[in-house]
Amino acid sequence: MTRKLRPAPSPLEANDRLVTAVITGAWVIGLISVLVLRDQLAPSQRWWVWTCVVGVCMGLFALWYVPRLKRSRARAAERRAQAQAHGEQEGTA
């Protein structure tokens, strides 16, 4: 007995900049909280400050990098489509 499978749905697109900005904002809030409560943290727990700093830095880098990555992927897809169209035209001629 075989079941007829439905085709896989297309992947969902997210607003990458918004997602990155929200996560970076959360790291900023965490950093501010840790800095305000810094005196109440045990010396062995002060590594949280640097964890938040790294999170903020990575988020800022991602806000810069993600749009460039998406543009690069779009250009590559366009070149592939043009090359494929050009190959099909040569095949029919």
PDB file of N, CA and C in Angstrom:
ATOM      1  N   MET A   1       0.851  -1.168   0.000  1.00  0.00           N
ATOM      2  CA  MET A   1       0.000   0.000   0.000  1.00  0.00           C
ATOM      3  C   MET A   1       0.900   1.235   0.000  1.00  0.00           C
ATOM      4  N   THR A   2       0.816   2.015  -1.051  1.00  0.00           N
ATOM      5  CA  THR A   2       1.635   3.224  -1.145  1.00  0.00           C
ATOM      6  C   THR A   2       0.759   4.447  -0.989  1.00  0.00           C
ATOM      7  N   ARG A   3       1.349   5.425  -0.389  1.00  0.00           N
ATOM      8  CA  ARG A   3       0.645   6.703  -0.210  1.00  0.00           C
ATOM      9  C   ARG A   3       1.188   7.698  -1.208  1.00  0.00           C
ATOM     10  N   LYS A   4       0.331   8.510  -1.718  1.00  0.00           N
ATOM     11  CA  LYS A   4       0.755   9.564  -2.628  1.00  0.00           C
ATOM     12  C   LYS A   4       1.195  10.758  -1.774  1.00  0.00           C
ATOM     13  N   LEU A   5       2.457  11.130  -1.913  1.00  0.00           N
ATOM     14  CA  LEU A   5       3.000  12.224  -1.103  1.00  0.00           C
ATOM     15  C   LEU A   5       2.769  13.556  -1.789  1.00  0.00           C
ATOM     16  N   ARG A   6       2.483  14.532  -0.987  1.00  0.00           N
ATOM     17  CA  ARG A   6       2.343  15.891  -1.509  1.00  0.00           C
ATOM     18  C   ARG A   6       3.731  16.480  -1.732  1.00  0.00           C
ATOM     19  N   PRO A   7       3.867  17.395  -2.686  1.00  0.00           N
ATOM     20  CA  PRO A   7       5.180  18.021  -2.890  1.00  0.00           C
ATOM     21  C   PRO A   7       5.549  18.891  -1.689  1.00  0.00           C
ATOM     22  N   ALA A   8       6.823  19.013  -1.472  1.00  0.00           N
ATOM     23  CA  ALA A   8       7.311  19.825  -0.348  1.00  0.00           C
ATOM     24  C   ALA A   8       6.975  21.298  -0.592  1.00  0.00           C
ATOM     25  N   PRO A   9       6.563  22.002   0.440  1.00  0.00           N
ATOM     26  CA  PRO A   9       6.257  23.431   0.260  1.00  0.00           C
ATOM     27  C   PRO A   9       7.537  24.224   0.030  1.00  0.00           C
ATOM     28  N   SER A  10       7.395  25.363  -0.599  1.00  0.00           N
ATOM     29  CA  SER A  10       8.561  26.213  -0.821  1.00  0.00           C
ATOM     30  C   SER A  10       9.007  26.804   0.513  1.00  0.00           C
ATOM     31  N   PRO A  11      10.301  27.086   0.660  1.00  0.00           N
ATOM     32  CA  PRO A  11      10.785  27.624   1.939  1.00  0.00           C
ATOM     33  C   PRO A  11      10.228  29.023   2.199  1.00  0.00           C
ATOM     34  N   LEU A  12      10.024  29.309   3.463  1.00  0.00           N
ATOM     35  CA  LEU A  12       9.530  30.628   3.855  1.00  0.00           C
ATOM     36  C   LEU A  12      10.674  31.630   3.838  1.00  0.00           C
ATOM     37  N   GLU A  13      10.382  32.823   3.404  1.00  0.00           N
ATOM     38  CA  GLU A  13      11.362  33.896   3.421  1.00  0.00           C
ATOM     39  C   GLU A  13      11.114  34.765   4.653  1.00  0.00           C
ATOM     40  N   ALA A  14      12.161  35.107   5.337  1.00  0.00           N
ATOM     41  CA  ALA A  14      12.055  35.961   6.517  1.00  0.00           C
ATOM     42  C   ALA A  14      12.735  37.295   6.219  1.00  0.00           C
ATOM     43  N   ASN A  15      12.394  38.283   6.980  1.00  0.00           N
ATOM     44  CA  ASN A  15      13.059  39.579   6.891  1.00  0.00           C
ATOM     45  C   ASN A  15      14.340  39.464   7.723  1.00  0.00           C
ATOM     46  N   ASP A  16      15.430  39.134   7.053  1.00  0.00           N
ATOM     47  CA  ASP A  16      16.682  38.850   7.755  1.00  0.00           C
ATOM     48  C   ASP A  16      17.201  40.041   8.548  1.00  0.00           C
ATOM     49  N   ARG A  17      17.055  41.221   7.997  1.00  0.00           N
ATOM     50  CA  ARG A  17      17.544  42.412   8.721  1.00  0.00           C
ATOM     51  C   ARG A  17      16.762  42.629   9.999  1.00  0.00           C
ATOM     52  N   LEU A  18      15.447  42.426   9.945  1.00  0.00           N
ATOM     53  CA  LEU A  18      14.630  42.611  11.137  1.00  0.00           C
ATOM     54  C   LEU A  18      14.990  41.584  12.208  1.00  0.00           C
ATOM     55  N   VAL A  19      15.133  40.338  11.805  1.00  0.00           N
ATOM     56  CA  VAL A  19      15.498  39.280  12.753  1.00  0.00           C
ATOM     57  C   VAL A  19      16.852  39.595  13.396  1.00  0.00           C
ATOM     58  N   THR A  20      17.826  39.992  12.569  1.00  0.00           N
ATOM     59  CA  THR A  20      19.158  40.315  13.083  1.00  0.00           C
ATOM     60  C   THR A  20      19.103  41.522  14.019  1.00  0.00           C
ATOM     61  N   ALA A  21      18.323  42.524  13.648  1.00  0.00           N
ATOM     62  CA  ALA A  21      18.222  43.725  14.487  1.00  0.00           C
ATOM     63  C   ALA A  21      17.583  43.409  15.840  1.00  0.00           C
ATOM     64  N   VAL A  22      16.554  42.572  15.841  1.00  0.00           N
ATOM     65  CA  VAL A  22      15.886  42.223  17.104  1.00  0.00           C
ATOM     66  C   VAL A  22      16.844  41.446  18.015  1.00  0.00           C
ATOM     67  N   ILE A  23      17.567  40.497  17.443  1.00  0.00           N
ATOM     68  CA  ILE A  23      18.502  39.715  18.261  1.00  0.00           C
ATOM     69  C   ILE A  23      19.639  40.593  18.772  1.00  0.00           C
ATOM     70  N   THR A  24      20.137  41.496  17.927  1.00  0.00           N
ATOM     71  CA  THR A  24      21.196  42.416  18.366  1.00  0.00           C
ATOM     72  C   THR A  24      20.674  43.320  19.478  1.00  0.00           C
ATOM     73  N   GLY A  25      19.432  43.763  19.329  1.00  0.00           N
ATOM     74  CA  GLY A  25      18.811  44.579  20.382  1.00  0.00           C
ATOM     75  C   GLY A  25      18.717  43.825  21.704  1.00  0.00           C
ATOM     76  N   ALA A  26      18.421  42.538  21.624  1.00  0.00           N
ATOM     77  CA  ALA A  26      18.355  41.732  22.849  1.00  0.00           C
ATOM     78  C   ALA A  26      19.733  41.645  23.501  1.00  0.00           C
ATOM     79  N   TRP A  27      20.794  41.512  22.678  1.00  0.00           N
ATOM     80  CA  TRP A  27      22.147  41.490  23.240  1.00  0.00           C
ATOM     81  C   TRP A  27      22.496  42.840  23.874  1.00  0.00           C
ATOM     82  N   VAL A  28      22.040  43.931  23.268  1.00  0.00           N
ATOM     83  CA  VAL A  28      22.294  45.263  23.845  1.00  0.00           C
ATOM     84  C   VAL A  28      21.598  45.388  25.198  1.00  0.00           C
ATOM     85  N   ILE A  29      20.348  44.940  25.269  1.00  0.00           N
ATOM     86  CA  ILE A  29      19.616  44.978  26.544  1.00  0.00           C
ATOM     87  C   ILE A  29      20.335  44.118  27.584  1.00  0.00           C
ATOM     88  N   GLY A  30      20.796  42.940  27.154  1.00  0.00           N
ATOM     89  CA  GLY A  30      21.547  42.084  28.078  1.00  0.00           C
ATOM     90  C   GLY A  30      22.819  42.755  28.564  1.00  0.00           C
ATOM     91  N   LEU A  31      23.528  43.410  27.649  1.00  0.00           N
ATOM     92  CA  LEU A  31      24.767  44.100  28.032  1.00  0.00           C
ATOM     93  C   LEU A  31      24.488  45.220  29.019  1.00  0.00           C
ATOM     94  N   ILE A  32      23.457  45.999  28.754  1.00  0.00           N
ATOM     95  CA  ILE A  32      23.114  47.091  29.673  1.00  0.00           C
ATOM     96  C   ILE A  32      22.753  46.525  31.050  1.00  0.00           C
ATOM     97  N   SER A  33      21.968  45.455  31.061  1.00  0.00           N
ATOM     98  CA  SER A  33      21.575  44.840  32.339  1.00  0.00           C
ATOM     99  C   SER A  33      22.785  44.336  33.112  1.00  0.00           C
ATOM    100  N   VAL A  34      23.689  43.677  32.413  1.00  0.00           N
ATOM    101  CA  VAL A  34      24.871  43.130  33.077  1.00  0.00           C
ATOM    102  C   VAL A  34      25.770  44.257  33.581  1.00  0.00           C
ATOM    103  N   LEU A  35      25.887  45.327  32.796  1.00  0.00           N
ATOM    104  CA  LEU A  35      26.722  46.444  33.247  1.00  0.00           C
ATOM    105  C   LEU A  35      26.118  47.149  34.459  1.00  0.00           C
ATOM    106  N   VAL A  36      24.787  47.283  34.496  1.00  0.00           N
ATOM    107  CA  VAL A  36      24.131  47.909  35.648  1.00  0.00           C
ATOM    108  C   VAL A  36      24.320  47.045  36.893  1.00  0.00           C
ATOM    109  N   LEU A  37      24.228  45.728  36.720  1.00  0.00           N
ATOM    110  CA  LEU A  37      24.333  44.816  37.861  1.00  0.00           C
ATOM    111  C   LEU A  37      25.743  44.268  38.060  1.00  0.00           C
ATOM    112  N   ARG A  38      26.714  44.861  37.406  1.00  0.00           N
ATOM    113  CA  ARG A  38      28.095  44.369  37.426  1.00  0.00           C
ATOM    114  C   ARG A  38      28.641  44.199  38.847  1.00  0.00           C
ATOM    115  N   ASP A  39      28.342  45.129  39.734  1.00  0.00           N
ATOM    116  CA  ASP A  39      28.877  45.053  41.101  1.00  0.00           C
ATOM    117  C   ASP A  39      28.254  43.905  41.896  1.00  0.00           C
ATOM    118  N   GLN A  40      27.083  43.457  41.495  1.00  0.00           N
ATOM    119  CA  GLN A  40      26.418  42.367  42.209  1.00  0.00           C
ATOM    120  C   GLN A  40      26.815  40.988  41.676  1.00  0.00           C
ATOM    121  N   LEU A  41      27.539  40.965  40.552  1.00  0.00           N
ATOM    122  CA  LEU A  41      27.980  39.693  39.986  1.00  0.00           C
ATOM    123  C   LEU A  41      29.236  39.210  40.695  1.00  0.00           C
ATOM    124  N   ALA A  42      29.284  37.918  40.907  1.00  0.00           N
ATOM    125  CA  ALA A  42      30.505  37.338  41.471  1.00  0.00           C
ATOM    126  C   ALA A  42      31.608  37.459  40.421  1.00  0.00           C
ATOM    127  N   PRO A  43      32.863  37.585  40.844  1.00  0.00           N
ATOM    128  CA  PRO A  43      33.952  37.694  39.865  1.00  0.00           C
ATOM    129  C   PRO A  43      33.975  36.548  38.863  1.00  0.00           C
ATOM    130  N   SER A  44      33.535  35.382  39.266  1.00  0.00           N
ATOM    131  CA  SER A  44      33.527  34.247  38.341  1.00  0.00           C
ATOM    132  C   SER A  44      32.401  34.343  37.309  1.00  0.00           C
ATOM    133  N   GLN A  45      31.480  35.288  37.477  1.00  0.00           N
ATOM    134  CA  GLN A  45      30.356  35.452  36.545  1.00  0.00           C
ATOM    135  C   GLN A  45      30.498  36.684  35.656  1.00  0.00           C
ATOM    136  N   ARG A  46      31.612  37.372  35.747  1.00  0.00           N
ATOM    137  CA  ARG A  46      31.775  38.606  34.965  1.00  0.00           C
ATOM    138  C   ARG A  46      32.037  38.334  33.491  1.00  0.00           C
ATOM    139  N   TRP A  47      32.214  37.063  33.113  1.00  0.00           N
ATOM    140  CA  TRP A  47      32.403  36.731  31.716  1.00  0.00           C
ATOM    141  C   TRP A  47      31.148  37.035  30.914  1.00  0.00           C
ATOM    142  N   TRP A  48      30.011  37.192  31.599  1.00  0.00           N
ATOM    143  CA  TRP A  48      28.778  37.538  30.897  1.00  0.00           C
ATOM    144  C   TRP A  48      28.881  38.886  30.201  1.00  0.00           C
ATOM    145  N   VAL A  49      29.653  39.796  30.768  1.00  0.00           N
ATOM    146  CA  VAL A  49      29.836  41.110  30.123  1.00  0.00           C
ATOM    147  C   VAL A  49      30.433  40.912  28.733  1.00  0.00           C
ATOM    148  N   TRP A  50      31.481  40.111  28.650  1.00  0.00           N
ATOM    149  CA  TRP A  50      32.155  39.903  27.360  1.00  0.00           C
ATOM    150  C   TRP A  50      31.299  39.075  26.406  1.00  0.00           C
ATOM    151  N   THR A  51      30.489  38.196  26.954  1.00  0.00           N
ATOM    152  CA  THR A  51      29.576  37.432  26.107  1.00  0.00           C
ATOM    153  C   THR A  51      28.590  38.379  25.417  1.00  0.00           C
ATOM    154  N   CYS A  52      28.052  39.322  26.180  1.00  0.00           N
ATOM    155  CA  CYS A  52      27.117  40.294  25.602  1.00  0.00           C
ATOM    156  C   CYS A  52      27.818  41.217  24.607  1.00  0.00           C
ATOM    157  N   VAL A  53      29.037  41.620  24.906  1.00  0.00           N
ATOM    158  CA  VAL A  53      29.790  42.474  23.982  1.00  0.00           C
ATOM    159  C   VAL A  53      30.001  41.758  22.649  1.00  0.00           C
ATOM    160  N   VAL A  54      30.388  40.496  22.722  1.00  0.00           N
ATOM    161  CA  VAL A  54      30.596  39.711  21.501  1.00  0.00           C
ATOM    162  C   VAL A  54      29.275  39.547  20.749  1.00  0.00           C
ATOM    163  N   GLY A  55      28.176  39.311  21.454  1.00  0.00           N
ATOM    164  CA  GLY A  55      26.867  39.197  20.811  1.00  0.00           C
ATOM    165  C   GLY A  55      26.492  40.466  20.069  1.00  0.00           C
ATOM    166  N   VAL A  56      26.736  41.621  20.679  1.00  0.00           N
ATOM    167  CA  VAL A  56      26.442  42.901  20.030  1.00  0.00           C
ATOM    168  C   VAL A  56      27.339  43.085  18.801  1.00  0.00           C
ATOM    169  N   CYS A  57      28.611  42.798  18.936  1.00  0.00           N
ATOM    170  CA  CYS A  57      29.537  42.954  17.800  1.00  0.00           C
ATOM    171  C   CYS A  57      29.167  42.034  16.645  1.00  0.00           C
ATOM    172  N   MET A  58      28.835  40.795  16.949  1.00  0.00           N
ATOM    173  CA  MET A  58      28.435  39.870  15.887  1.00  0.00           C
ATOM    174  C   MET A  58      27.134  40.311  15.231  1.00  0.00           C
ATOM    175  N   GLY A  59      26.218  40.835  16.015  1.00  0.00           N
ATOM    176  CA  GLY A  59      24.960  41.334  15.460  1.00  0.00           C
ATOM    177  C   GLY A  59      25.182  42.520  14.538  1.00  0.00           C
ATOM    178  N   LEU A  60      26.063  43.438  14.937  1.00  0.00           N
ATOM    179  CA  LEU A  60      26.358  44.594  14.080  1.00  0.00           C
ATOM    180  C   LEU A  60      27.040  44.146  12.794  1.00  0.00           C
ATOM    181  N   PHE A  61      27.938  43.169  12.904  1.00  0.00           N
ATOM    182  CA  PHE A  61      28.569  42.625  11.706  1.00  0.00           C
ATOM    183  C   PHE A  61      27.523  41.986  10.798  1.00  0.00           C
ATOM    184  N   ALA A  62      26.595  41.242  11.379  1.00  0.00           N
ATOM    185  CA  ALA A  62      25.555  40.583  10.583  1.00  0.00           C
ATOM    186  C   ALA A  62      24.659  41.606   9.899  1.00  0.00           C
ATOM    187  N   LEU A  63      24.361  42.721  10.573  1.00  0.00           N
ATOM    188  CA  LEU A  63      23.550  43.766   9.938  1.00  0.00           C
ATOM    189  C   LEU A  63      24.260  44.342   8.718  1.00  0.00           C
ATOM    190  N   TRP A  64      25.569  44.362   8.740  1.00  0.00           N
ATOM    191  CA  TRP A  64      26.341  44.833   7.596  1.00  0.00           C
ATOM    192  C   TRP A  64      26.460  43.746   6.525  1.00  0.00           C
ATOM    193  N   TYR A  65      26.668  42.494   6.952  1.00  0.00           N
ATOM    194  CA  TYR A  65      27.018  41.414   6.034  1.00  0.00           C
ATOM    195  C   TYR A  65      25.815  40.782   5.325  1.00  0.00           C
ATOM    196  N   VAL A  66      24.721  40.577   6.018  1.00  0.00           N
ATOM    197  CA  VAL A  66      23.583  39.849   5.461  1.00  0.00           C
ATOM    198  C   VAL A  66      23.048  40.490   4.179  1.00  0.00           C
ATOM    199  N   PRO A  67      22.858  41.803   4.105  1.00  0.00           N
ATOM    200  CA  PRO A  67      22.377  42.377   2.841  1.00  0.00           C
ATOM    201  C   PRO A  67      23.351  42.145   1.682  1.00  0.00           C
ATOM    202  N   ARG A  68      24.632  42.204   1.956  1.00  0.00           N
ATOM    203  CA  ARG A  68      25.624  41.950   0.900  1.00  0.00           C
ATOM    204  C   ARG A  68      25.574  40.497   0.437  1.00  0.00           C
ATOM    205  N   LEU A  69      25.390  39.584   1.373  1.00  0.00           N
ATOM    206  CA  LEU A  69      25.284  38.170   1.031  1.00  0.00           C
ATOM    207  C   LEU A  69      24.059  37.916   0.162  1.00  0.00           C
ATOM    208  N   LYS A  70      22.922  38.515   0.517  1.00  0.00           N
ATOM    209  CA  LYS A  70      21.708  38.320  -0.264  1.00  0.00           C
ATOM    210  C   LYS A  70      21.851  38.893  -1.669  1.00  0.00           C
ATOM    211  N   ARG A  71      22.474  40.076  -1.786  1.00  0.00           N
ATOM    212  CA  ARG A  71      22.686  40.653  -3.122  1.00  0.00           C
ATOM    213  C   ARG A  71      23.606  39.778  -3.946  1.00  0.00           C
ATOM    214  N   SER A  72      24.641  39.243  -3.328  1.00  0.00           N
ATOM    215  CA  SER A  72      25.576  38.369  -4.030  1.00  0.00           C
ATOM    216  C   SER A  72      24.875  37.106  -4.515  1.00  0.00           C
ATOM    217  N   ARG A  73      24.048  36.516  -3.681  1.00  0.00           N
ATOM    218  CA  ARG A  73      23.307  35.321  -4.085  1.00  0.00           C
ATOM    219  C   ARG A  73      22.326  35.630  -5.208  1.00  0.00           C
ATOM    220  N   ALA A  74      21.688  36.791  -5.152  1.00  0.00           N
ATOM    221  CA  ALA A  74      20.749  37.170  -6.211  1.00  0.00           C
ATOM    222  C   ALA A  74      21.489  37.354  -7.534  1.00  0.00           C
ATOM    223  N   ARG A  75      22.662  37.990  -7.498  1.00  0.00           N
ATOM    224  CA  ARG A  75      23.447  38.168  -8.727  1.00  0.00           C
ATOM    225  C   ARG A  75      23.889  36.828  -9.289  1.00  0.00           C
ATOM    226  N   ALA A  76      24.301  35.897  -8.420  1.00  0.00           N
ATOM    227  CA  ALA A  76      24.727  34.572  -8.878  1.00  0.00           C
ATOM    228  C   ALA A  76      23.554  33.824  -9.505  1.00  0.00           C
ATOM    229  N   ALA A  77      22.372  33.914  -8.906  1.00  0.00           N
ATOM    230  CA  ALA A  77      21.195  33.243  -9.466  1.00  0.00           C
ATOM    231  C   ALA A  77      20.833  33.844 -10.822  1.00  0.00           C
ATOM    232  N   GLU A  78      20.967  35.164 -10.937  1.00  0.00           N
ATOM    233  CA  GLU A  78      20.680  35.823 -12.215  1.00  0.00           C
ATOM    234  C   GLU A  78      21.668  35.374 -13.291  1.00  0.00           C
ATOM    235  N   ARG A  79      22.938  35.269 -12.934  1.00  0.00           N
ATOM    236  CA  ARG A  79      23.944  34.799 -13.907  1.00  0.00           C
ATOM    237  C   ARG A  79      23.667  33.360 -14.331  1.00  0.00           C
ATOM    238  N   ARG A  80      23.273  32.510 -13.368  1.00  0.00           N
ATOM    239  CA  ARG A  80      22.945  31.123 -13.712  1.00  0.00           C
ATOM    240  C   ARG A  80      21.749  31.072 -14.653  1.00  0.00           C
ATOM    241  N   ALA A  81      20.724  31.883 -14.384  1.00  0.00           N
ATOM    242  CA  ALA A  81      19.537  31.903 -15.235  1.00  0.00           C
ATOM    243  C   ALA A  81      19.888  32.389 -16.635  1.00  0.00           C
ATOM    244  N   GLN A  82      20.731  33.411 -16.727  1.00  0.00           N
ATOM    245  CA  GLN A  82      21.147  33.916 -18.041  1.00  0.00           C
ATOM    246  C   GLN A  82      21.968  32.872 -18.781  1.00  0.00           C
ATOM    247  N   ALA A  83      22.858  32.192 -18.090  1.00  0.00           N
ATOM    248  CA  ALA A  83      23.679  31.165 -18.724  1.00  0.00           C
ATOM    249  C   ALA A  83      22.809  30.008 -19.199  1.00  0.00           C
ATOM    250  N   GLN A  84      21.819  29.642 -18.409  1.00  0.00           N
ATOM    251  CA  GLN A  84      20.927  28.556 -18.796  1.00  0.00           C
ATOM    252  C   GLN A  84      20.086  28.969 -20.004  1.00  0.00           C
ATOM    253  N   ALA A  85      19.577  30.196 -20.006  1.00  0.00           N
ATOM    254  CA  ALA A  85      18.792  30.687 -21.142  1.00  0.00           C
ATOM    255  C   ALA A  85      19.659  30.761 -22.391  1.00  0.00           C
ATOM    256  N   HIS A  86      20.888  31.193 -22.232  1.00  0.00           N
ATOM    257  CA  HIS A  86      21.800  31.279 -23.362  1.00  0.00           C
ATOM    258  C   HIS A  86      22.113  29.884 -23.905  1.00  0.00           C
ATOM    259  N   GLY A  87      22.295  28.905 -23.017  1.00  0.00           N
ATOM    260  CA  GLY A  87      22.559  27.527 -23.418  1.00  0.00           C
ATOM    261  C   GLY A  87      21.371  26.923 -24.153  1.00  0.00           C
ATOM    262  N   GLU A  88      20.148  27.238 -23.707  1.00  0.00           N
ATOM    263  CA  GLU A  88      18.964  26.723 -24.377  1.00  0.00           C
ATOM    264  C   GLU A  88      18.798  27.337 -25.758  1.00  0.00           C
ATOM    265  N   GLN A  89      19.163  28.610 -25.912  1.00  0.00           N
ATOM    266  CA  GLN A  89      19.050  29.266 -27.222  1.00  0.00           C
ATOM    267  C   GLN A  89      20.034  28.648 -28.199  1.00  0.00           C
ATOM    268  N   GLU A  90      21.222  28.329 -27.742  1.00  0.00           N
ATOM    269  CA  GLU A  90      22.211  27.713 -28.620  1.00  0.00           C
ATOM    270  C   GLU A  90      21.789  26.293 -29.003  1.00  0.00           C
ATOM    271  N   GLY A  91      21.120  25.605 -28.106  1.00  0.00           N
ATOM    272  CA  GLY A  91      20.692  24.239 -28.369  1.00  0.00           C
ATOM    273  C   GLY A  91      19.582  24.170 -29.407  1.00  0.00           C
ATOM    274  N   THR A  92      18.758  25.204 -29.497  1.00  0.00           N
ATOM    275  CA  THR A  92      17.658  25.201 -30.459  1.00  0.00           C
ATOM    276  C   THR A  92      18.078  25.759 -31.808  1.00  0.00           C
ATOM    277  N   ALA A  93      19.197  26.455 -31.862  1.00  0.00           N
ATOM    278  CA  ALA A  93      19.622  27.077 -33.134  1.00  0.00           C
ATOM    279  C   ALA A  93      20.271  26.093 -34.075  1.00  0.00           C
TER     280      ALA A  93
END
